[in-house]
Amino acid sequence: MPSYPSLIETLKGDYVLSPAYDLINTRLHVDDTDFALNKGLFKDDFHSKRQEITGHVNQDDFKELGKRLGIIESRISVLLAPFLSKNPSAETLISHSYLTDANKRAYLQMISTKRNYLIK
């Protein structure tokens, strides 16, 4: 089988997606809204109180989305948790990427900003 950059072969000989597959930040190249949600999360144009105050989608909005999708609250918290704390692995991958130093700094800053939007 030919080698693809998005696949890696395991020790058992099967292929899985590489852990860093699709590690791209389109915001570096495209001016877009927070979380690429220019039309919002909801058909009924719901915004959490915090979003109305800050102007940014936050974890309250995603929790509401999870509830509307029928996801139990404890599972919603588990799904959101990785986005609410620093991810040293992502930082390492970015630092080892082929991005320019300026784009690496911009990428890390954007991650921090989005995390802060979710937390605050």
PDB file of N, CA and C in Angstrom:
ATOM      1  N   MET A   1       0.848  -1.177   0.000  1.00  0.00           N
ATOM      2  CA  MET A   1       0.000   0.000   0.000  1.00  0.00           C
ATOM      3  C   MET A   1       0.893   1.239   0.000  1.00  0.00           C
ATOM      4  N   PRO A   2       0.570   2.248  -0.791  1.00  0.00           N
ATOM      5  CA  PRO A   2       1.378   3.467  -0.803  1.00  0.00           C
ATOM      6  C   PRO A   2       1.287   4.202   0.533  1.00  0.00           C
ATOM      7  N   SER A   3       2.287   4.985   0.839  1.00  0.00           N
ATOM      8  CA  SER A   3       2.321   5.757   2.072  1.00  0.00           C
ATOM      9  C   SER A   3       1.587   7.082   1.875  1.00  0.00           C
ATOM     10  N   TYR A   4       0.745   7.441   2.828  1.00  0.00           N
ATOM     11  CA  TYR A   4       0.026   8.709   2.804  1.00  0.00           C
ATOM     12  C   TYR A   4       0.408   9.498   4.045  1.00  0.00           C
ATOM     13  N   PRO A   5       0.595  10.798   3.927  1.00  0.00           N
ATOM     14  CA  PRO A   5       1.009  11.586   5.085  1.00  0.00           C
ATOM     15  C   PRO A   5      -0.016  11.599   6.220  1.00  0.00           C
ATOM     16  N   SER A   6      -1.272  11.318   5.923  1.00  0.00           N
ATOM     17  CA  SER A   6      -2.293  11.350   6.966  1.00  0.00           C
ATOM     18  C   SER A   6      -2.493   9.997   7.634  1.00  0.00           C
ATOM     19  N   LEU A   7      -1.803   8.975   7.167  1.00  0.00           N
ATOM     20  CA  LEU A   7      -1.933   7.633   7.727  1.00  0.00           C
ATOM     21  C   LEU A   7      -0.602   7.153   8.272  1.00  0.00           C
ATOM     22  N   ILE A   8      -0.677   6.341   9.336  1.00  0.00           N
ATOM     23  CA  ILE A   8       0.529   5.678   9.816  1.00  0.00           C
ATOM     24  C   ILE A   8       0.220   4.201   9.980  1.00  0.00           C
ATOM     25  N   GLU A   9       1.240   3.395   9.807  1.00  0.00           N
ATOM     26  CA  GLU A   9       1.078   1.951   9.944  1.00  0.00           C
ATOM     27  C   GLU A   9       1.410   1.557  11.372  1.00  0.00           C
ATOM     28  N   THR A  10       0.529   0.786  12.004  1.00  0.00           N
ATOM     29  CA  THR A  10       0.780   0.322  13.364  1.00  0.00           C
ATOM     30  C   THR A  10       1.682  -0.902  13.329  1.00  0.00           C
ATOM     31  N   LEU A  11       2.098  -1.354  14.490  1.00  0.00           N
ATOM     32  CA  LEU A  11       2.935  -2.556  14.580  1.00  0.00           C
ATOM     33  C   LEU A  11       2.203  -3.793  14.080  1.00  0.00           C
ATOM     34  N   LYS A  12       0.889  -3.767  14.074  1.00  0.00           N
ATOM     35  CA  LYS A  12       0.093  -4.901  13.599  1.00  0.00           C
ATOM     36  C   LYS A  12      -0.107  -4.869  12.089  1.00  0.00           C
ATOM     37  N   GLY A  13       0.382  -3.817  11.426  1.00  0.00           N
ATOM     38  CA  GLY A  13       0.279  -3.738   9.978  1.00  0.00           C
ATOM     39  C   GLY A  13      -0.971  -3.057   9.464  1.00  0.00           C
ATOM     40  N   ASP A  14      -1.833  -2.563  10.363  1.00  0.00           N
ATOM     41  CA  ASP A  14      -3.009  -1.839   9.885  1.00  0.00           C
ATOM     42  C   ASP A  14      -2.690  -0.340   9.862  1.00  0.00           C
ATOM     43  N   TYR A  15      -3.561   0.433   9.268  1.00  0.00           N
ATOM     44  CA  TYR A  15      -3.329   1.860   9.117  1.00  0.00           C
ATOM     45  C   TYR A  15      -4.348   2.651   9.925  1.00  0.00           C
ATOM     46  N   VAL A  16      -3.865   3.689  10.579  1.00  0.00           N
ATOM     47  CA  VAL A  16      -4.722   4.583  11.362  1.00  0.00           C
ATOM     48  C   VAL A  16      -4.363   6.019  11.003  1.00  0.00           C
ATOM     49  N   LEU A  17      -5.275   6.939  11.332  1.00  0.00           N
ATOM     50  CA  LEU A  17      -4.974   8.353  11.098  1.00  0.00           C
ATOM     51  C   LEU A  17      -3.805   8.777  11.981  1.00  0.00           C
ATOM     52  N   SER A  18      -2.924   9.560  11.437  1.00  0.00           N
ATOM     53  CA  SER A  18      -1.803  10.043  12.226  1.00  0.00           C
ATOM     54  C   SER A  18      -2.326  11.002  13.284  1.00  0.00           C
ATOM     55  N   PRO A  19      -1.700  11.034  14.462  1.00  0.00           N
ATOM     56  CA  PRO A  19      -2.201  11.885  15.550  1.00  0.00           C
ATOM     57  C   PRO A  19      -2.247  13.364  15.193  1.00  0.00           C
ATOM     58  N   ALA A  20      -1.380  13.816  14.319  1.00  0.00           N
ATOM     59  CA  ALA A  20      -1.346  15.243  13.978  1.00  0.00           C
ATOM     60  C   ALA A  20      -2.054  15.528  12.664  1.00  0.00           C
ATOM     61  N   TYR A  21      -2.875  14.599  12.202  1.00  0.00           N
ATOM     62  CA  TYR A  21      -3.560  14.787  10.930  1.00  0.00           C
ATOM     63  C   TYR A  21      -4.441  16.028  10.973  1.00  0.00           C
ATOM     64  N   ASP A  22      -4.374  16.798   9.922  1.00  0.00           N
ATOM     65  CA  ASP A  22      -5.215  17.976   9.758  1.00  0.00           C
ATOM     66  C   ASP A  22      -4.985  19.021  10.842  1.00  0.00           C
ATOM     67  N   LEU A  23      -3.740  19.130  11.286  1.00  0.00           N
ATOM     68  CA  LEU A  23      -3.382  20.152  12.259  1.00  0.00           C
ATOM     69  C   LEU A  23      -3.176  21.457  11.507  1.00  0.00           C
ATOM     70  N   ILE A  24      -4.267  22.171  11.313  1.00  0.00           N
ATOM     71  CA  ILE A  24      -4.209  23.407  10.542  1.00  0.00           C
ATOM     72  C   ILE A  24      -5.079  24.443  11.223  1.00  0.00           C
ATOM     73  N   ASN A  25      -4.659  25.651  11.111  1.00  0.00           N
ATOM     74  CA  ASN A  25      -5.420  26.748  11.670  1.00  0.00           C
ATOM     75  C   ASN A  25      -5.756  27.686  10.514  1.00  0.00           C
ATOM     76  N   THR A  26      -6.946  27.547   9.975  1.00  0.00           N
ATOM     77  CA  THR A  26      -7.326  28.362   8.822  1.00  0.00           C
ATOM     78  C   THR A  26      -7.384  29.840   9.178  1.00  0.00           C
ATOM     79  N   ARG A  27      -7.520  30.146  10.457  1.00  0.00           N
ATOM     80  CA  ARG A  27      -7.580  31.549  10.885  1.00  0.00           C
ATOM     81  C   ARG A  27      -6.289  32.286  10.535  1.00  0.00           C
ATOM     82  N   LEU A  28      -5.185  31.543  10.386  1.00  0.00           N
ATOM     83  CA  LEU A  28      -3.931  32.164   9.974  1.00  0.00           C
ATOM     84  C   LEU A  28      -4.039  32.727   8.561  1.00  0.00           C
ATOM     85  N   HIS A  29      -4.960  32.170   7.774  1.00  0.00           N
ATOM     86  CA  HIS A  29      -5.053  32.520   6.360  1.00  0.00           C
ATOM     87  C   HIS A  29      -6.378  33.152   5.954  1.00  0.00           C
ATOM     88  N   VAL A  30      -7.420  32.942   6.768  1.00  0.00           N
ATOM     89  CA  VAL A  30      -8.761  33.408   6.430  1.00  0.00           C
ATOM     90  C   VAL A  30      -9.317  34.203   7.611  1.00  0.00           C
ATOM     91  N   ASP A  31      -9.826  35.371   7.343  1.00  0.00           N
ATOM     92  CA  ASP A  31     -10.443  36.156   8.403  1.00  0.00           C
ATOM     93  C   ASP A  31     -11.847  35.608   8.638  1.00  0.00           C
ATOM     94  N   ASP A  32     -12.043  34.942   9.761  1.00  0.00           N
ATOM     95  CA  ASP A  32     -13.315  34.299  10.055  1.00  0.00           C
ATOM     96  C   ASP A  32     -13.732  34.646  11.478  1.00  0.00           C
ATOM     97  N   THR A  33     -14.954  34.317  11.836  1.00  0.00           N
ATOM     98  CA  THR A  33     -15.484  34.601  13.167  1.00  0.00           C
ATOM     99  C   THR A  33     -14.957  33.589  14.173  1.00  0.00           C
ATOM    100  N   ASP A  34     -15.224  33.852  15.454  1.00  0.00           N
ATOM    101  CA  ASP A  34     -14.831  32.926  16.515  1.00  0.00           C
ATOM    102  C   ASP A  34     -15.354  31.520  16.216  1.00  0.00           C
ATOM    103  N   PHE A  35     -14.493  30.554  16.276  1.00  0.00           N
ATOM    104  CA  PHE A  35     -14.855  29.157  16.078  1.00  0.00           C
ATOM    105  C   PHE A  35     -15.538  28.913  14.736  1.00  0.00           C
ATOM    106  N   ALA A  36     -15.356  29.816  13.769  1.00  0.00           N
ATOM    107  CA  ALA A  36     -15.966  29.714  12.432  1.00  0.00           C
ATOM    108  C   ALA A  36     -17.483  29.563  12.532  1.00  0.00           C
ATOM    109  N   LEU A  37     -18.068  30.296  13.446  1.00  0.00           N
ATOM    110  CA  LEU A  37     -19.512  30.201  13.696  1.00  0.00           C
ATOM    111  C   LEU A  37     -20.225  31.485  13.277  1.00  0.00           C
ATOM    112  N   ASN A  38     -19.980  31.932  12.052  1.00  0.00           N
ATOM    113  CA  ASN A  38     -20.583  33.195  11.623  1.00  0.00           C
ATOM    114  C   ASN A  38     -22.103  33.158  11.611  1.00  0.00           C
ATOM    115  N   LYS A  39     -22.712  31.982  11.541  1.00  0.00           N
ATOM    116  CA  LYS A  39     -24.173  31.888  11.593  1.00  0.00           C
ATOM    117  C   LYS A  39     -24.653  31.420  12.962  1.00  0.00           C
ATOM    118  N   GLY A  40     -23.748  31.279  13.910  1.00  0.00           N
ATOM    119  CA  GLY A  40     -24.115  30.869  15.257  1.00  0.00           C
ATOM    120  C   GLY A  40     -24.276  29.373  15.392  1.00  0.00           C
ATOM    121  N   LEU A  41     -24.604  28.955  16.606  1.00  0.00           N
ATOM    122  CA  LEU A  41     -24.787  27.536  16.903  1.00  0.00           C
ATOM    123  C   LEU A  41     -26.235  27.082  16.765  1.00  0.00           C
ATOM    124  N   PHE A  42     -27.182  27.995  16.839  1.00  0.00           N
ATOM    125  CA  PHE A  42     -28.587  27.622  16.973  1.00  0.00           C
ATOM    126  C   PHE A  42     -29.465  28.260  15.904  1.00  0.00           C
ATOM    127  N   LYS A  43     -30.455  27.502  15.462  1.00  0.00           N
ATOM    128  CA  LYS A  43     -31.425  28.042  14.501  1.00  0.00           C
ATOM    129  C   LYS A  43     -32.232  29.184  15.101  1.00  0.00           C
ATOM    130  N   ASP A  44     -32.520  29.073  16.407  1.00  0.00           N
ATOM    131  CA  ASP A  44     -33.347  30.088  17.055  1.00  0.00           C
ATOM    132  C   ASP A  44     -32.529  31.291  17.530  1.00  0.00           C
ATOM    133  N   ASP A  45     -31.265  31.377  17.110  1.00  0.00           N
ATOM    134  CA  ASP A  45     -30.386  32.506  17.415  1.00  0.00           C
ATOM    135  C   ASP A  45     -30.156  32.670  18.913  1.00  0.00           C
ATOM    136  N   PHE A  46     -30.163  31.551  19.660  1.00  0.00           N
ATOM    137  CA  PHE A  46     -29.879  31.574  21.093  1.00  0.00           C
ATOM    138  C   PHE A  46     -28.450  32.043  21.329  1.00  0.00           C
ATOM    139  N   HIS A  47     -28.269  32.868  22.349  1.00  0.00           N
ATOM    140  CA  HIS A  47     -26.952  33.274  22.829  1.00  0.00           C
ATOM    141  C   HIS A  47     -26.988  33.217  24.352  1.00  0.00           C
ATOM    142  N   SER A  48     -25.960  32.655  24.954  1.00  0.00           N
ATOM    143  CA  SER A  48     -25.900  32.641  26.418  1.00  0.00           C
ATOM    144  C   SER A  48     -25.754  34.071  26.928  1.00  0.00           C
ATOM    145  N   LYS A  49     -26.028  34.244  28.203  1.00  0.00           N
ATOM    146  CA  LYS A  49     -25.884  35.575  28.798  1.00  0.00           C
ATOM    147  C   LYS A  49     -24.441  36.052  28.680  1.00  0.00           C
ATOM    148  N   ARG A  50     -23.492  35.125  28.886  1.00  0.00           N
ATOM    149  CA  ARG A  50     -22.080  35.517  28.769  1.00  0.00           C
ATOM    150  C   ARG A  50     -21.734  35.928  27.347  1.00  0.00           C
ATOM    151  N   GLN A  51     -22.299  35.254  26.356  1.00  0.00           N
ATOM    152  CA  GLN A  51     -22.019  35.646  24.974  1.00  0.00           C
ATOM    153  C   GLN A  51     -22.598  37.029  24.691  1.00  0.00           C
ATOM    154  N   GLU A  52     -23.762  37.303  25.217  1.00  0.00           N
ATOM    155  CA  GLU A  52     -24.359  38.626  25.013  1.00  0.00           C
ATOM    156  C   GLU A  52     -23.487  39.722  25.631  1.00  0.00           C
ATOM    157  N   ILE A  53     -22.850  39.412  26.758  1.00  0.00           N
ATOM    158  CA  ILE A  53     -21.990  40.387  27.438  1.00  0.00           C
ATOM    159  C   ILE A  53     -20.642  40.524  26.728  1.00  0.00           C
ATOM    160  N   THR A  54     -20.019  39.387  26.403  1.00  0.00           N
ATOM    161  CA  THR A  54     -18.654  39.415  25.862  1.00  0.00           C
ATOM    162  C   THR A  54     -18.603  39.501  24.343  1.00  0.00           C
ATOM    163  N   GLY A  55     -19.676  39.039  23.688  1.00  0.00           N
ATOM    164  CA  GLY A  55     -19.669  38.995  22.228  1.00  0.00           C
ATOM    165  C   GLY A  55     -18.983  37.762  21.670  1.00  0.00           C
ATOM    166  N   HIS A  56     -18.639  36.810  22.554  1.00  0.00           N
ATOM    167  CA  HIS A  56     -17.943  35.599  22.119  1.00  0.00           C
ATOM    168  C   HIS A  56     -18.675  34.349  22.593  1.00  0.00           C
ATOM    169  N   VAL A  57     -18.717  33.337  21.724  1.00  0.00           N
ATOM    170  CA  VAL A  57     -19.231  32.029  22.114  1.00  0.00           C
ATOM    171  C   VAL A  57     -18.357  31.503  23.247  1.00  0.00           C
ATOM    172  N   ASN A  58     -18.964  30.834  24.216  1.00  0.00           N
ATOM    173  CA  ASN A  58     -18.217  30.310  25.354  1.00  0.00           C
ATOM    174  C   ASN A  58     -18.771  28.950  25.740  1.00  0.00           C
ATOM    175  N   GLN A  59     -18.248  28.388  26.812  1.00  0.00           N
ATOM    176  CA  GLN A  59     -18.666  27.035  27.169  1.00  0.00           C
ATOM    177  C   GLN A  59     -20.159  26.934  27.503  1.00  0.00           C
ATOM    178  N   ASP A  60     -20.768  28.013  27.974  1.00  0.00           N
ATOM    179  CA  ASP A  60     -22.209  27.969  28.242  1.00  0.00           C
ATOM    180  C   ASP A  60     -22.997  27.697  26.959  1.00  0.00           C
ATOM    181  N   ASP A  61     -22.549  28.285  25.852  1.00  0.00           N
ATOM    182  CA  ASP A  61     -23.220  28.062  24.564  1.00  0.00           C
ATOM    183  C   ASP A  61     -23.054  26.608  24.116  1.00  0.00           C
ATOM    184  N   PHE A  62     -21.842  26.070  24.278  1.00  0.00           N
ATOM    185  CA  PHE A  62     -21.610  24.684  23.881  1.00  0.00           C
ATOM    186  C   PHE A  62     -22.341  23.706  24.809  1.00  0.00           C
ATOM    187  N   LYS A  63     -22.463  24.063  26.085  1.00  0.00           N
ATOM    188  CA  LYS A  63     -23.237  23.214  27.002  1.00  0.00           C
ATOM    189  C   LYS A  63     -24.706  23.184  26.578  1.00  0.00           C
ATOM    190  N   GLU A  64     -25.242  24.334  26.215  1.00  0.00           N
ATOM    191  CA  GLU A  64     -26.625  24.401  25.738  1.00  0.00           C
ATOM    192  C   GLU A  64     -26.790  23.567  24.467  1.00  0.00           C
ATOM    193  N   LEU A  65     -25.823  23.660  23.573  1.00  0.00           N
ATOM    194  CA  LEU A  65     -25.876  22.857  22.351  1.00  0.00           C
ATOM    195  C   LEU A  65     -25.894  21.370  22.697  1.00  0.00           C
ATOM    196  N   GLY A  66     -25.032  20.965  23.613  1.00  0.00           N
ATOM    197  CA  GLY A  66     -25.009  19.556  24.032  1.00  0.00           C
ATOM    198  C   GLY A  66     -26.340  19.109  24.601  1.00  0.00           C
ATOM    199  N   LYS A  67     -26.940  19.940  25.435  1.00  0.00           N
ATOM    200  CA  LYS A  67     -28.252  19.610  26.010  1.00  0.00           C
ATOM    201  C   LYS A  67     -29.299  19.442  24.910  1.00  0.00           C
ATOM    202  N   ARG A  68     -29.288  20.357  23.954  1.00  0.00           N
ATOM    203  CA  ARG A  68     -30.271  20.279  22.861  1.00  0.00           C
ATOM    204  C   ARG A  68     -30.044  19.050  21.989  1.00  0.00           C
ATOM    205  N   LEU A  69     -28.817  18.569  21.957  1.00  0.00           N
ATOM    206  CA  LEU A  69     -28.519  17.360  21.183  1.00  0.00           C
ATOM    207  C   LEU A  69     -28.806  16.087  21.977  1.00  0.00           C
ATOM    208  N   GLY A  70     -29.190  16.251  23.244  1.00  0.00           N
ATOM    209  CA  GLY A  70     -29.531  15.100  24.073  1.00  0.00           C
ATOM    210  C   GLY A  70     -28.338  14.461  24.766  1.00  0.00           C
ATOM    211  N   ILE A  71     -27.243  15.166  24.864  1.00  0.00           N
ATOM    212  CA  ILE A  71     -26.054  14.639  25.545  1.00  0.00           C
ATOM    213  C   ILE A  71     -26.197  14.936  27.033  1.00  0.00           C
ATOM    214  N   ILE A  72     -25.937  13.941  27.862  1.00  0.00           N
ATOM    215  CA  ILE A  72     -26.075  14.153  29.305  1.00  0.00           C
ATOM    216  C   ILE A  72     -24.990  15.130  29.786  1.00  0.00           C
ATOM    217  N   GLU A  73     -25.333  15.898  30.819  1.00  0.00           N
ATOM    218  CA  GLU A  73     -24.459  16.981  31.270  1.00  0.00           C
ATOM    219  C   GLU A  73     -23.064  16.511  31.643  1.00  0.00           C
ATOM    220  N   SER A  74     -22.951  15.358  32.294  1.00  0.00           N
ATOM    221  CA  SER A  74     -21.617  14.886  32.684  1.00  0.00           C
ATOM    222  C   SER A  74     -20.760  14.595  31.451  1.00  0.00           C
ATOM    223  N   ARG A  75     -21.378  14.104  30.388  1.00  0.00           N
ATOM    224  CA  ARG A  75     -20.645  13.820  29.150  1.00  0.00           C
ATOM    225  C   ARG A  75     -20.245  15.128  28.457  1.00  0.00           C
ATOM    226  N   ILE A  76     -21.107  16.122  28.508  1.00  0.00           N
ATOM    227  CA  ILE A  76     -20.788  17.426  27.927  1.00  0.00           C
ATOM    228  C   ILE A  76     -19.519  17.967  28.588  1.00  0.00           C
ATOM    229  N   SER A  77     -19.449  17.867  29.907  1.00  0.00           N
ATOM    230  CA  SER A  77     -18.274  18.351  30.633  1.00  0.00           C
ATOM    231  C   SER A  77     -17.014  17.606  30.212  1.00  0.00           C
ATOM    232  N   VAL A  78     -17.130  16.303  30.021  1.00  0.00           N
ATOM    233  CA  VAL A  78     -15.985  15.496  29.583  1.00  0.00           C
ATOM    234  C   VAL A  78     -15.536  15.929  28.184  1.00  0.00           C
ATOM    235  N   LEU A  79     -16.501  16.182  27.299  1.00  0.00           N
ATOM    236  CA  LEU A  79     -16.175  16.583  25.933  1.00  0.00           C
ATOM    237  C   LEU A  79     -15.535  17.969  25.877  1.00  0.00           C
ATOM    238  N   LEU A  80     -15.954  18.865  26.750  1.00  0.00           N
ATOM    239  CA  LEU A  80     -15.408  20.222  26.762  1.00  0.00           C
ATOM    240  C   LEU A  80     -14.055  20.322  27.461  1.00  0.00           C
ATOM    241  N   ALA A  81     -13.789  19.428  28.401  1.00  0.00           N
ATOM    242  CA  ALA A  81     -12.592  19.520  29.248  1.00  0.00           C
ATOM    243  C   ALA A  81     -11.282  19.732  28.477  1.00  0.00           C
ATOM    244  N   PRO A  82     -11.021  18.987  27.393  1.00  0.00           N
ATOM    245  CA  PRO A  82      -9.739  19.188  26.704  1.00  0.00           C
ATOM    246  C   PRO A  82      -9.564  20.592  26.117  1.00  0.00           C
ATOM    247  N   PHE A  83     -10.649  21.286  25.892  1.00  0.00           N
ATOM    248  CA  PHE A  83     -10.573  22.616  25.296  1.00  0.00           C
ATOM    249  C   PHE A  83     -10.439  23.718  26.344  1.00  0.00           C
ATOM    250  N   LEU A  84     -10.554  23.345  27.615  1.00  0.00           N
ATOM    251  CA  LEU A  84     -10.531  24.332  28.688  1.00  0.00           C
ATOM    252  C   LEU A  84      -9.182  24.420  29.385  1.00  0.00           C
ATOM    253  N   SER A  85      -8.250  23.576  29.000  1.00  0.00           N
ATOM    254  CA  SER A  85      -6.928  23.609  29.620  1.00  0.00           C
ATOM    255  C   SER A  85      -5.848  23.604  28.546  1.00  0.00           C
ATOM    256  N   LYS A  86      -4.660  23.987  28.939  1.00  0.00           N
ATOM    257  CA  LYS A  86      -3.543  24.014  27.998  1.00  0.00           C
ATOM    258  C   LYS A  86      -3.237  22.601  27.527  1.00  0.00           C
ATOM    259  N   ASN A  87      -2.797  22.499  26.275  1.00  0.00           N
ATOM    260  CA  ASN A  87      -2.445  21.206  25.708  1.00  0.00           C
ATOM    261  C   ASN A  87      -0.983  21.240  25.271  1.00  0.00           C
ATOM    262  N   PRO A  88      -0.083  20.771  26.129  1.00  0.00           N
ATOM    263  CA  PRO A  88       1.335  20.804  25.794  1.00  0.00           C
ATOM    264  C   PRO A  88       1.666  20.051  24.501  1.00  0.00           C
ATOM    265  N   SER A  89       0.915  19.009  24.187  1.00  0.00           N
ATOM    266  CA  SER A  89       1.169  18.257  22.946  1.00  0.00           C
ATOM    267  C   SER A  89       0.917  19.130  21.725  1.00  0.00           C
ATOM    268  N   ALA A  90      -0.156  19.912  21.745  1.00  0.00           N
ATOM    269  CA  ALA A  90      -0.451  20.802  20.626  1.00  0.00           C
ATOM    270  C   ALA A  90       0.644  21.849  20.489  1.00  0.00           C
ATOM    271  N   GLU A  91       1.086  22.372  21.617  1.00  0.00           N
ATOM    272  CA  GLU A  91       2.148  23.374  21.589  1.00  0.00           C
ATOM    273  C   GLU A  91       3.435  22.786  21.003  1.00  0.00           C
ATOM    274  N   THR A  92       3.735  21.550  21.370  1.00  0.00           N
ATOM    275  CA  THR A  92       4.933  20.886  20.833  1.00  0.00           C
ATOM    276  C   THR A  92       4.802  20.667  19.333  1.00  0.00           C
ATOM    277  N   LEU A  93       3.636  20.194  18.895  1.00  0.00           N
ATOM    278  CA  LEU A  93       3.434  19.968  17.463  1.00  0.00           C
ATOM    279  C   LEU A  93       3.570  21.267  16.671  1.00  0.00           C
ATOM    280  N   ILE A  94       3.005  22.332  17.200  1.00  0.00           N
ATOM    281  CA  ILE A  94       3.105  23.623  16.519  1.00  0.00           C
ATOM    282  C   ILE A  94       4.557  24.078  16.467  1.00  0.00           C
ATOM    283  N   SER A  95       5.267  23.925  17.563  1.00  0.00           N
ATOM    284  CA  SER A  95       6.663  24.376  17.590  1.00  0.00           C
ATOM    285  C   SER A  95       7.542  23.587  16.631  1.00  0.00           C
ATOM    286  N   HIS A  96       7.147  22.349  16.324  1.00  0.00           N
ATOM    287  CA  HIS A  96       7.912  21.515  15.398  1.00  0.00           C
ATOM    288  C   HIS A  96       7.372  21.565  13.967  1.00  0.00           C
ATOM    289  N   SER A  97       6.372  22.385  13.731  1.00  0.00           N
ATOM    290  CA  SER A  97       5.765  22.462  12.403  1.00  0.00           C
ATOM    291  C   SER A  97       6.657  23.259  11.455  1.00  0.00           C
ATOM    292  N   TYR A  98       6.262  23.303  10.204  1.00  0.00           N
ATOM    293  CA  TYR A  98       6.998  24.058   9.199  1.00  0.00           C
ATOM    294  C   TYR A  98       6.473  25.484   9.046  1.00  0.00           C
ATOM    295  N   LEU A  99       5.624  25.908   9.965  1.00  0.00           N
ATOM    296  CA  LEU A  99       5.142  27.282   9.937  1.00  0.00           C
ATOM    297  C   LEU A  99       6.296  28.243  10.225  1.00  0.00           C
ATOM    298  N   THR A 100       6.150  29.466   9.765  1.00  0.00           N
ATOM    299  CA  THR A 100       7.143  30.479  10.119  1.00  0.00           C
ATOM    300  C   THR A 100       7.053  30.747  11.615  1.00  0.00           C
ATOM    301  N   ASP A 101       8.093  31.307  12.182  1.00  0.00           N
ATOM    302  CA  ASP A 101       8.067  31.623  13.612  1.00  0.00           C
ATOM    303  C   ASP A 101       6.914  32.558  13.953  1.00  0.00           C
ATOM    304  N   ALA A 102       6.653  33.518  13.075  1.00  0.00           N
ATOM    305  CA  ALA A 102       5.539  34.448  13.305  1.00  0.00           C
ATOM    306  C   ALA A 102       4.205  33.709  13.316  1.00  0.00           C
ATOM    307  N   ASN A 103       4.010  32.769  12.390  1.00  0.00           N
ATOM    308  CA  ASN A 103       2.760  32.005  12.353  1.00  0.00           C
ATOM    309  C   ASN A 103       2.655  31.047  13.532  1.00  0.00           C
ATOM    310  N   LYS A 104       3.767  30.509  13.985  1.00  0.00           N
ATOM    311  CA  LYS A 104       3.738  29.657  15.183  1.00  0.00           C
ATOM    312  C   LYS A 104       3.250  30.469  16.382  1.00  0.00           C
ATOM    313  N   ARG A 105       3.806  31.672  16.547  1.00  0.00           N
ATOM    314  CA  ARG A 105       3.374  32.535  17.653  1.00  0.00           C
ATOM    315  C   ARG A 105       1.894  32.896  17.511  1.00  0.00           C
ATOM    316  N   ALA A 106       1.471  33.230  16.300  1.00  0.00           N
ATOM    317  CA  ALA A 106       0.069  33.591  16.062  1.00  0.00           C
ATOM    318  C   ALA A 106      -0.852  32.414  16.374  1.00  0.00           C
ATOM    319  N   TYR A 107      -0.450  31.214  15.955  1.00  0.00           N
ATOM    320  CA  TYR A 107      -1.243  30.008  16.198  1.00  0.00           C
ATOM    321  C   TYR A 107      -1.409  29.785  17.703  1.00  0.00           C
ATOM    322  N   LEU A 108      -0.303  29.848  18.440  1.00  0.00           N
ATOM    323  CA  LEU A 108      -0.363  29.641  19.889  1.00  0.00           C
ATOM    324  C   LEU A 108      -1.214  30.721  20.561  1.00  0.00           C
ATOM    325  N   GLN A 109      -1.114  31.947  20.086  1.00  0.00           N
ATOM    326  CA  GLN A 109      -1.925  33.032  20.645  1.00  0.00           C
ATOM    327  C   GLN A 109      -3.408  32.797  20.381  1.00  0.00           C
ATOM    328  N   MET A 110      -3.737  32.321  19.181  1.00  0.00           N
ATOM    329  CA  MET A 110      -5.139  32.053  18.851  1.00  0.00           C
ATOM    330  C   MET A 110      -5.710  30.938  19.722  1.00  0.00           C
ATOM    331  N   ILE A 111      -4.918  29.902  19.965  1.00  0.00           N
ATOM    332  CA  ILE A 111      -5.369  28.814  20.836  1.00  0.00           C
ATOM    333  C   ILE A 111      -5.663  29.360  22.232  1.00  0.00           C
ATOM    334  N   SER A 112      -4.761  30.163  22.735  1.00  0.00           N
ATOM    335  CA  SER A 112      -4.933  30.749  24.060  1.00  0.00           C
ATOM    336  C   SER A 112      -6.171  31.643  24.115  1.00  0.00           C
ATOM    337  N   THR A 113      -6.370  32.445  23.092  1.00  0.00           N
ATOM    338  CA  THR A 113      -7.532  33.340  23.036  1.00  0.00           C
ATOM    339  C   THR A 113      -8.822  32.547  23.004  1.00  0.00           C
ATOM    340  N   LYS A 114      -8.895  31.518  22.174  1.00  0.00           N
ATOM    341  CA  LYS A 114     -10.132  30.698  22.084  1.00  0.00           C
ATOM    342  C   LYS A 114     -10.404  30.010  23.418  1.00  0.00           C
ATOM    343  N   ARG A 115      -9.337  29.490  24.052  1.00  0.00           N
ATOM    344  CA  ARG A 115      -9.516  28.832  25.357  1.00  0.00           C
ATOM    345  C   ARG A 115     -10.062  29.845  26.367  1.00  0.00           C
ATOM    346  N   ASN A 116      -9.515  31.057  26.336  1.00  0.00           N
ATOM    347  CA  ASN A 116     -10.006  32.083  27.253  1.00  0.00           C
ATOM    348  C   ASN A 116     -11.460  32.441  26.974  1.00  0.00           C
ATOM    349  N   TYR A 117     -11.871  32.476  25.708  1.00  0.00           N
ATOM    350  CA  TYR A 117     -13.283  32.720  25.393  1.00  0.00           C
ATOM    351  C   TYR A 117     -14.158  31.643  26.019  1.00  0.00           C
ATOM    352  N   LEU A 118     -13.713  30.401  25.945  1.00  0.00           N
ATOM    353  CA  LEU A 118     -14.509  29.310  26.497  1.00  0.00           C
ATOM    354  C   LEU A 118     -14.580  29.363  28.014  1.00  0.00           C
ATOM    355  N   ILE A 119     -13.477  29.734  28.645  1.00  0.00           N
ATOM    356  CA  ILE A 119     -13.399  29.717  30.103  1.00  0.00           C
ATOM    357  C   ILE A 119     -14.142  30.880  30.718  1.00  0.00           C
ATOM    358  N   LYS A 120     -13.977  32.070  30.162  1.00  0.00           N
ATOM    359  CA  LYS A 120     -14.524  33.284  30.790  1.00  0.00           C
ATOM    360  C   LYS A 120     -15.980  33.498  30.434  1.00  0.00           C
TER     361      LYS A 120
END
